[in-house]
Structures are given as structure tokens and as C-alpha cells.
Amino acid sequence: MQKENTYAIVESVVEVYFHKGGVKVKRVSILVSTGNLGDNIIEKGSFYEGVKRDIDCFANDAGTADAGPTFLGADMPHNPIEWERHDLELLLVESRKKGVPMIVGSCSTTGTDKAVDRYAQIIREVAKERRLGPFKMALIYSQIDKDELAKRVERGDTEPLGADYPITEEVLAQTNNVVATDGGRADNPCLKFRSGCDSRWEGL
């Protein structure tokens, strides 16, 4: 029996405005329909229950540490492409109906440049097949060039983020792909709800 995915409505303070010396805070509702996009396809019943709410943004991550390093090393998705397409189509169609943003992080498990392009192509195909109206889409690439990283290692311009040991030339030589985290920077124009893009496919 297939496990049913449930949705979560996340109430978050995402925008703060300074107005007449005071602070005006806007709260938004974010629909998070699955913990790992494409892993165990979104269950439509619970998803559409969430869609009934007053949603300001659809957001999902498509990566997981549970898959281990193999898929990043091989630059290949952990989940079946058909399942990822299924989930992306649900999110895209409903976000366009509501006219609200859609955000996906860690595209196709790995978040590599190739994975970001893969998701973007799926979105283009779905938009054409479903005859969706025009919308803005941003692709945020975060894969790091190994040669550039090697130069920083040589200069001593790196530090571990919770790792037990610093990166070395030896470690880097055994590494196939490196992807950075963006951290959801507030200054990223793609993440602005009013002036940014409708859809973002991120390699985060």
C-alpha cells in the first residue's frame, strides 16, 4: 500500500516593511506538499485539500541527504523522472491558477547545473502541453567549478561548515561535483514575491 503524502501549511514572516518609524510585517502561507519532490509522488487528495487554502507560495525541496553521495557524484537523479514530472506538473498548474510563486530547491536530488536544466525543460514541456499563459522563470545555478575551488584551497581560503576536517587537494581530487548552498538570501531578486519571478528552479 502506497504511503499517503500530506501537505503542510507553513506560516512564515517573509517581508518586513519600515513604515512611519514602525515595522509593518506581512505574513504569508506557503504550501509544502512533500518533503522530497518526486520521491513518493504527491498524493492528489491531500494536495488539493491544501490548495483550497489561501496560499501565497508553493515551495518544495527536491533533495535529500538520505540518498547519500552517489547521485551527486554521478550527477543523476535519485527519483524516477516520471515521478518528478508528476509533482512538478501539479505544483506548476496550481501555482499558475492562483497566480502565486513556485519555488523548488535542490533540483532532481543533486542541484547540479544539469539538474536545474532538466527541471526547466520539464516545466517548459508541461507549460506547452497544458497551454499555460506566460510566466517568468528563473534558473539559479550554484554548481562550483572545481578548478576555482582548488585555487581557493591552495590559498587557504576555505573553511569547513560542520565537517570534521577541512577540504584538501586530496579530497577535492576524489570529488566529482560540488554544489553550494544559497541560504535563501534576502537580496536575491528572484526571491522577491512582488517583483521577482513566478517560478524558480534552484540548485541549492
C-alpha atoms as a PDB file:
ATOM      1  CA  MET A   1       0.000   0.000   0.000  1.00  0.00           C
ATOM      2  CA  GLN A   2       1.433   3.342  -1.019  1.00  0.00           C
ATOM      3  CA  LYS A   3       2.068   5.760   1.808  1.00  0.00           C
ATOM      4  CA  GLU A   4      -0.052   8.883   1.531  1.00  0.00           C
ATOM      5  CA  ASN A   5       1.820  12.169   1.478  1.00  0.00           C
ATOM      6  CA  THR A   6       0.314  15.002   3.443  1.00  0.00           C
ATOM      7  CA  TYR A   7       0.737  18.691   2.964  1.00  0.00           C
ATOM      8  CA  ALA A   8       1.892  21.279   5.430  1.00  0.00           C
ATOM      9  CA  ILE A   9       0.893  24.921   5.577  1.00  0.00           C
ATOM     10  CA  VAL A  10       3.807  26.953   6.829  1.00  0.00           C
ATOM     11  CA  GLU A  11       3.001  30.365   8.242  1.00  0.00           C
ATOM     12  CA  SER A  12       6.109  32.496   7.881  1.00  0.00           C
ATOM     13  CA  VAL A  13       7.089  36.115   8.217  1.00  0.00           C
ATOM     14  CA  VAL A  14       8.833  36.771   4.912  1.00  0.00           C
ATOM     15  CA  GLU A  15       8.607  40.502   4.313  1.00  0.00           C
ATOM     16  CA  VAL A  16       9.247  43.345   6.701  1.00  0.00           C
ATOM     17  CA  TYR A  17       8.446  46.940   5.754  1.00  0.00           C
ATOM     18  CA  PHE A  18       9.523  50.053   7.633  1.00  0.00           C
ATOM     19  CA  HIS A  19       6.612  52.445   7.724  1.00  0.00           C
ATOM     20  CA  LYS A  20       6.494  55.784   9.558  1.00  0.00           C
ATOM     21  CA  GLY A  21       9.143  54.765  12.041  1.00  0.00           C
ATOM     22  CA  GLY A  22       7.424  51.462  12.818  1.00  0.00           C
ATOM     23  CA  VAL A  23       7.615  47.977  11.366  1.00  0.00           C
ATOM     24  CA  LYS A  24       4.852  46.520   9.240  1.00  0.00           C
ATOM     25  CA  VAL A  25       5.005  42.761   8.929  1.00  0.00           C
ATOM     26  CA  LYS A  26       3.321  40.714   6.231  1.00  0.00           C
ATOM     27  CA  ARG A  27       2.613  37.049   6.851  1.00  0.00           C
ATOM     28  CA  VAL A  28       2.312  34.544   4.024  1.00  0.00           C
ATOM     29  CA  SER A  29       1.053  30.976   3.745  1.00  0.00           C
ATOM     30  CA  ILE A  30       3.377  28.527   1.976  1.00  0.00           C
ATOM     31  CA  LEU A  31       2.137  25.154   0.763  1.00  0.00           C
ATOM     32  CA  VAL A  32       4.787  22.447   1.250  1.00  0.00           C
ATOM     33  CA  SER A  33       3.269  19.371  -0.363  1.00  0.00           C
ATOM     34  CA  THR A  34       6.071  16.840   0.108  1.00  0.00           C
ATOM     35  CA  GLY A  35       9.388  16.515   1.892  1.00  0.00           C
ATOM     36  CA  ASN A  36      11.221  15.329  -1.221  1.00  0.00           C
ATOM     37  CA  LEU A  37       9.722  16.139  -4.607  1.00  0.00           C
ATOM     38  CA  GLY A  38       9.451  13.042  -6.795  1.00  0.00           C
ATOM     39  CA  ASP A  39      10.399  10.581  -4.054  1.00  0.00           C
ATOM     40  CA  ASN A  40       6.922   9.349  -3.190  1.00  0.00           C
ATOM     41  CA  ILE A  41       4.652  11.180  -5.604  1.00  0.00           C
ATOM     42  CA  ILE A  42       2.372  13.852  -4.188  1.00  0.00           C
ATOM     43  CA  GLU A  43      -0.962  12.355  -3.192  1.00  0.00           C
ATOM     44  CA  LYS A  44      -3.549  14.382  -5.072  1.00  0.00           C
ATOM     45  CA  GLY A  45      -6.282  14.145  -2.428  1.00  0.00           C
ATOM     46  CA  SER A  46      -4.289  15.770   0.339  1.00  0.00           C
ATOM     47  CA  PHE A  47      -2.591  18.157  -2.111  1.00  0.00           C
ATOM     48  CA  TYR A  48      -5.879  19.605  -3.324  1.00  0.00           C
ATOM     49  CA  GLU A  49      -7.058  19.974   0.271  1.00  0.00           C
ATOM     50  CA  GLY A  50      -4.067  22.220   0.796  1.00  0.00           C
ATOM     51  CA  VAL A  51      -4.751  24.087  -2.438  1.00  0.00           C
ATOM     52  CA  LYS A  52      -8.163  25.083  -1.053  1.00  0.00           C
ATOM     53  CA  ARG A  53      -6.356  27.312   1.437  1.00  0.00           C
ATOM     54  CA  ASP A  54      -5.345  30.884   0.762  1.00  0.00           C
ATOM     55  CA  ILE A  55      -1.833  30.083  -0.500  1.00  0.00           C
ATOM     56  CA  ASP A  56       0.774  32.760  -1.196  1.00  0.00           C
ATOM     57  CA  CYS A  57       3.512  30.439  -2.466  1.00  0.00           C
ATOM     58  CA  PHE A  58       4.134  26.811  -3.435  1.00  0.00           C
ATOM     59  CA  ALA A  59       7.558  25.651  -2.238  1.00  0.00           C
ATOM     60  CA  ASN A  60       9.311  22.299  -2.224  1.00  0.00           C
ATOM     61  CA  ASP A  61      12.752  20.803  -1.926  1.00  0.00           C
ATOM     62  CA  ALA A  62      13.764  18.016  -4.292  1.00  0.00           C
ATOM     63  CA  GLY A  63      16.895  16.842  -2.495  1.00  0.00           C
ATOM     64  CA  THR A  64      17.633  14.549   0.414  1.00  0.00           C
ATOM     65  CA  ALA A  65      20.666  13.543   2.431  1.00  0.00           C
ATOM     66  CA  ASP A  66      19.163  10.057   2.708  1.00  0.00           C
ATOM     67  CA  ALA A  67      20.246   9.272  -0.855  1.00  0.00           C
ATOM     68  CA  GLY A  68      23.929   9.535   0.066  1.00  0.00           C
ATOM     69  CA  PRO A  69      26.711  10.975  -2.117  1.00  0.00           C
ATOM     70  CA  THR A  70      26.386   8.581  -5.073  1.00  0.00           C
ATOM     71  CA  PHE A  71      23.834  10.597  -7.047  1.00  0.00           C
ATOM     72  CA  LEU A  72      25.681  13.890  -6.695  1.00  0.00           C
ATOM     73  CA  GLY A  73      28.905  12.168  -7.683  1.00  0.00           C
ATOM     74  CA  ALA A  74      27.263  10.610 -10.739  1.00  0.00           C
ATOM     75  CA  ASP A  75      25.170  13.723 -11.473  1.00  0.00           C
ATOM     76  CA  MET A  76      21.999  11.677 -11.778  1.00  0.00           C
ATOM     77  CA  PRO A  77      18.558  11.851 -10.111  1.00  0.00           C
ATOM     78  CA  HIS A  78      17.637   9.580  -7.227  1.00  0.00           C
ATOM     79  CA  ASN A  79      13.943   9.548  -8.141  1.00  0.00           C
ATOM     80  CA  PRO A  80      12.233   8.409 -11.368  1.00  0.00           C
ATOM     81  CA  ILE A  81      11.917  11.306 -13.798  1.00  0.00           C
ATOM     82  CA  GLU A  82       8.241  10.404 -14.322  1.00  0.00           C
ATOM     83  CA  TRP A  83       7.557  10.960 -10.606  1.00  0.00           C
ATOM     84  CA  GLU A  84       9.409  14.254 -10.601  1.00  0.00           C
ATOM     85  CA  ARG A  85       7.423  15.390 -13.635  1.00  0.00           C
ATOM     86  CA  HIS A  86       4.188  14.338 -11.920  1.00  0.00           C
ATOM     87  CA  ASP A  87       4.932  16.502  -8.888  1.00  0.00           C
ATOM     88  CA  LEU A  88       6.232  19.464 -10.882  1.00  0.00           C
ATOM     89  CA  GLU A  89       3.123  19.461 -13.051  1.00  0.00           C
ATOM     90  CA  LEU A  90       0.801  19.547 -10.028  1.00  0.00           C
ATOM     91  CA  LEU A  91       2.701  22.425  -8.463  1.00  0.00           C
ATOM     92  CA  LEU A  92       3.069  24.417 -11.665  1.00  0.00           C
ATOM     93  CA  VAL A  93      -0.550  24.165 -12.774  1.00  0.00           C
ATOM     94  CA  GLU A  94      -1.969  25.129  -9.388  1.00  0.00           C
ATOM     95  CA  SER A  95       0.509  27.945  -8.803  1.00  0.00           C
ATOM     96  CA  ARG A  96      -0.403  29.413 -12.186  1.00  0.00           C
ATOM     97  CA  LYS A  97      -4.117  29.114 -11.419  1.00  0.00           C
ATOM     98  CA  LYS A  98      -3.603  31.098  -8.236  1.00  0.00           C
ATOM     99  CA  GLY A  99      -1.090  33.447  -9.779  1.00  0.00           C
ATOM    100  CA  VAL A 100       1.424  32.897  -6.976  1.00  0.00           C
ATOM    101  CA  PRO A 101       5.141  31.991  -6.981  1.00  0.00           C
ATOM    102  CA  MET A 102       6.504  28.469  -7.017  1.00  0.00           C
ATOM    103  CA  ILE A 103       9.944  27.619  -5.648  1.00  0.00           C
ATOM    104  CA  VAL A 104      11.854  24.333  -5.953  1.00  0.00           C
ATOM    105  CA  GLY A 105      15.251  23.738  -4.370  1.00  0.00           C
ATOM    106  CA  SER A 106      17.859  21.007  -4.886  1.00  0.00           C
ATOM    107  CA  CYS A 107      16.612  20.162  -8.363  1.00  0.00           C
ATOM    108  CA  SER A 108      16.490  16.469  -9.233  1.00  0.00           C
ATOM    109  CA  THR A 109      18.192  15.407  -5.966  1.00  0.00           C
ATOM    110  CA  THR A 110      21.604  16.905  -6.702  1.00  0.00           C
ATOM    111  CA  GLY A 111      21.050  20.565  -7.541  1.00  0.00           C
ATOM    112  CA  THR A 112      23.751  20.496 -10.221  1.00  0.00           C
ATOM    113  CA  ASP A 113      23.552  22.758 -13.261  1.00  0.00           C
ATOM    114  CA  LYS A 114      22.473  19.770 -15.342  1.00  0.00           C
ATOM    115  CA  ALA A 115      19.669  19.029 -12.860  1.00  0.00           C
ATOM    116  CA  VAL A 116      18.445  22.632 -12.939  1.00  0.00           C
ATOM    117  CA  ASP A 117      18.295  22.463 -16.743  1.00  0.00           C
ATOM    118  CA  ARG A 118      16.448  19.150 -16.539  1.00  0.00           C
ATOM    119  CA  TYR A 119      13.705  20.640 -14.376  1.00  0.00           C
ATOM    120  CA  ALA A 120      13.496  23.753 -16.539  1.00  0.00           C
ATOM    121  CA  GLN A 121      12.929  21.601 -19.613  1.00  0.00           C
ATOM    122  CA  ILE A 122      10.184  19.652 -17.838  1.00  0.00           C
ATOM    123  CA  ILE A 123       8.498  22.918 -16.911  1.00  0.00           C
ATOM    124  CA  ARG A 124       8.665  24.177 -20.478  1.00  0.00           C
ATOM    125  CA  GLU A 125       7.133  20.941 -21.758  1.00  0.00           C
ATOM    126  CA  VAL A 126       4.354  20.947 -19.151  1.00  0.00           C
ATOM    127  CA  ALA A 127       3.565  24.612 -19.776  1.00  0.00           C
ATOM    128  CA  LYS A 128       3.236  23.939 -23.505  1.00  0.00           C
ATOM    129  CA  GLU A 129       1.156  20.782 -23.079  1.00  0.00           C
ATOM    130  CA  ARG A 130      -1.174  22.407 -20.553  1.00  0.00           C
ATOM    131  CA  ARG A 131      -1.322  25.631 -22.573  1.00  0.00           C
ATOM    132  CA  LEU A 132      -0.397  27.778 -19.614  1.00  0.00           C
ATOM    133  CA  GLY A 133      -0.122  31.517 -20.015  1.00  0.00           C
ATOM    134  CA  PRO A 134       3.231  33.344 -19.977  1.00  0.00           C
ATOM    135  CA  PHE A 135       5.163  33.468 -16.712  1.00  0.00           C
ATOM    136  CA  LYS A 136       8.672  34.380 -15.606  1.00  0.00           C
ATOM    137  CA  MET A 137      11.057  31.568 -14.660  1.00  0.00           C
ATOM    138  CA  ALA A 138      14.456  31.994 -13.025  1.00  0.00           C
ATOM    139  CA  LEU A 139      17.181  29.358 -13.060  1.00  0.00           C
ATOM    140  CA  ILE A 140      19.592  29.699 -10.140  1.00  0.00           C
ATOM    141  CA  TYR A 141      22.817  27.801 -10.748  1.00  0.00           C
ATOM    142  CA  SER A 142      25.073  27.017  -7.786  1.00  0.00           C
ATOM    143  CA  GLN A 143      27.460  24.339  -9.035  1.00  0.00           C
ATOM    144  CA  ILE A 144      31.057  25.314  -8.224  1.00  0.00           C
ATOM    145  CA  ASP A 145      33.908  24.967 -10.681  1.00  0.00           C
ATOM    146  CA  LYS A 146      36.455  22.525  -9.249  1.00  0.00           C
ATOM    147  CA  ASP A 147      39.410  24.470 -10.653  1.00  0.00           C
ATOM    148  CA  GLU A 148      38.242  27.627  -8.893  1.00  0.00           C
ATOM    149  CA  LEU A 149      37.719  25.701  -5.676  1.00  0.00           C
ATOM    150  CA  ALA A 150      41.206  24.199  -5.982  1.00  0.00           C
ATOM    151  CA  LYS A 151      42.670  27.716  -6.184  1.00  0.00           C
ATOM    152  CA  ARG A 152      40.862  28.683  -3.000  1.00  0.00           C
ATOM    153  CA  VAL A 153      42.072  25.560  -1.238  1.00  0.00           C
ATOM    154  CA  GLU A 154      45.632  26.392  -2.283  1.00  0.00           C
ATOM    155  CA  ARG A 155      45.245  29.919  -0.879  1.00  0.00           C
ATOM    156  CA  GLY A 156      43.752  28.590   2.330  1.00  0.00           C
ATOM    157  CA  ASP A 157      40.558  30.488   1.535  1.00  0.00           C
ATOM    158  CA  THR A 158      38.118  27.796   2.678  1.00  0.00           C
ATOM    159  CA  GLU A 159      36.762  26.594   5.998  1.00  0.00           C
ATOM    160  CA  PRO A 160      34.586  23.615   6.967  1.00  0.00           C
ATOM    161  CA  LEU A 161      30.888  24.120   7.662  1.00  0.00           C
ATOM    162  CA  GLY A 162      30.340  21.498  10.316  1.00  0.00           C
ATOM    163  CA  ALA A 163      32.651  18.965   8.679  1.00  0.00           C
ATOM    164  CA  ASP A 164      35.179  17.059  10.794  1.00  0.00           C
ATOM    165  CA  TYR A 165      38.053  18.094   8.545  1.00  0.00           C
ATOM    166  CA  PRO A 166      38.862  20.875   6.069  1.00  0.00           C
ATOM    167  CA  ILE A 167      38.784  20.295   2.343  1.00  0.00           C
ATOM    168  CA  THR A 168      42.187  19.392   0.916  1.00  0.00           C
ATOM    169  CA  GLU A 169      43.629  18.869  -2.553  1.00  0.00           C
ATOM    170  CA  GLU A 170      43.406  15.129  -1.942  1.00  0.00           C
ATOM    171  CA  VAL A 171      39.721  15.304  -1.022  1.00  0.00           C
ATOM    172  CA  LEU A 172      38.977  17.556  -3.979  1.00  0.00           C
ATOM    173  CA  ALA A 173      40.757  15.160  -6.344  1.00  0.00           C
ATOM    174  CA  GLN A 174      38.272  12.443  -5.306  1.00  0.00           C
ATOM    175  CA  THR A 175      35.273  14.737  -5.797  1.00  0.00           C
ATOM    176  CA  ASN A 176      33.234  14.769  -8.996  1.00  0.00           C
ATOM    177  CA  ASN A 177      30.684  17.547  -8.429  1.00  0.00           C
ATOM    178  CA  VAL A 178      30.407  20.402  -5.953  1.00  0.00           C
ATOM    179  CA  VAL A 179      27.194  22.334  -5.311  1.00  0.00           C
ATOM    180  CA  ALA A 180      26.917  25.314  -2.970  1.00  0.00           C
ATOM    181  CA  THR A 181      24.012  26.368  -0.773  1.00  0.00           C
ATOM    182  CA  ASP A 182      22.453  29.765  -1.323  1.00  0.00           C
ATOM    183  CA  GLY A 183      20.831  30.152   2.076  1.00  0.00           C
ATOM    184  CA  GLY A 184      17.780  31.980   0.738  1.00  0.00           C
ATOM    185  CA  ARG A 185      19.460  35.382   0.654  1.00  0.00           C
ATOM    186  CA  ALA A 186      17.035  38.248   1.062  1.00  0.00           C
ATOM    187  CA  ASP A 187      18.920  40.264  -1.580  1.00  0.00           C
ATOM    188  CA  ASN A 188      18.306  37.704  -4.321  1.00  0.00           C
ATOM    189  CA  PRO A 189      15.949  39.458  -6.792  1.00  0.00           C
ATOM    190  CA  CYS A 190      14.471  36.126  -7.889  1.00  0.00           C
ATOM    191  CA  LEU A 191      13.060  35.568  -4.404  1.00  0.00           C
ATOM    192  CA  LYS A 192      11.130  38.826  -4.161  1.00  0.00           C
ATOM    193  CA  PHE A 193       7.442  37.966  -4.075  1.00  0.00           C
ATOM    194  CA  ARG A 194       6.170  41.070  -5.849  1.00  0.00           C
ATOM    195  CA  SER A 195       8.898  41.889  -8.353  1.00  0.00           C
ATOM    196  CA  GLY A 196      10.625  38.544  -8.739  1.00  0.00           C
ATOM    197  CA  CYS A 197       9.859  35.519 -10.865  1.00  0.00           C
ATOM    198  CA  ASP A 198       6.852  33.219 -10.785  1.00  0.00           C
ATOM    199  CA  SER A 199       8.924  30.027 -10.743  1.00  0.00           C
ATOM    200  CA  ARG A 200      12.469  29.254  -9.588  1.00  0.00           C
ATOM    201  CA  TRP A 201      14.411  26.072 -10.174  1.00  0.00           C
ATOM    202  CA  GLU A 202      17.354  26.112  -7.820  1.00  0.00           C
ATOM    203  CA  GLY A 203      20.483  24.065  -7.449  1.00  0.00           C
ATOM    204  CA  LEU A 204      20.650  24.719  -3.720  1.00  0.00           C
END
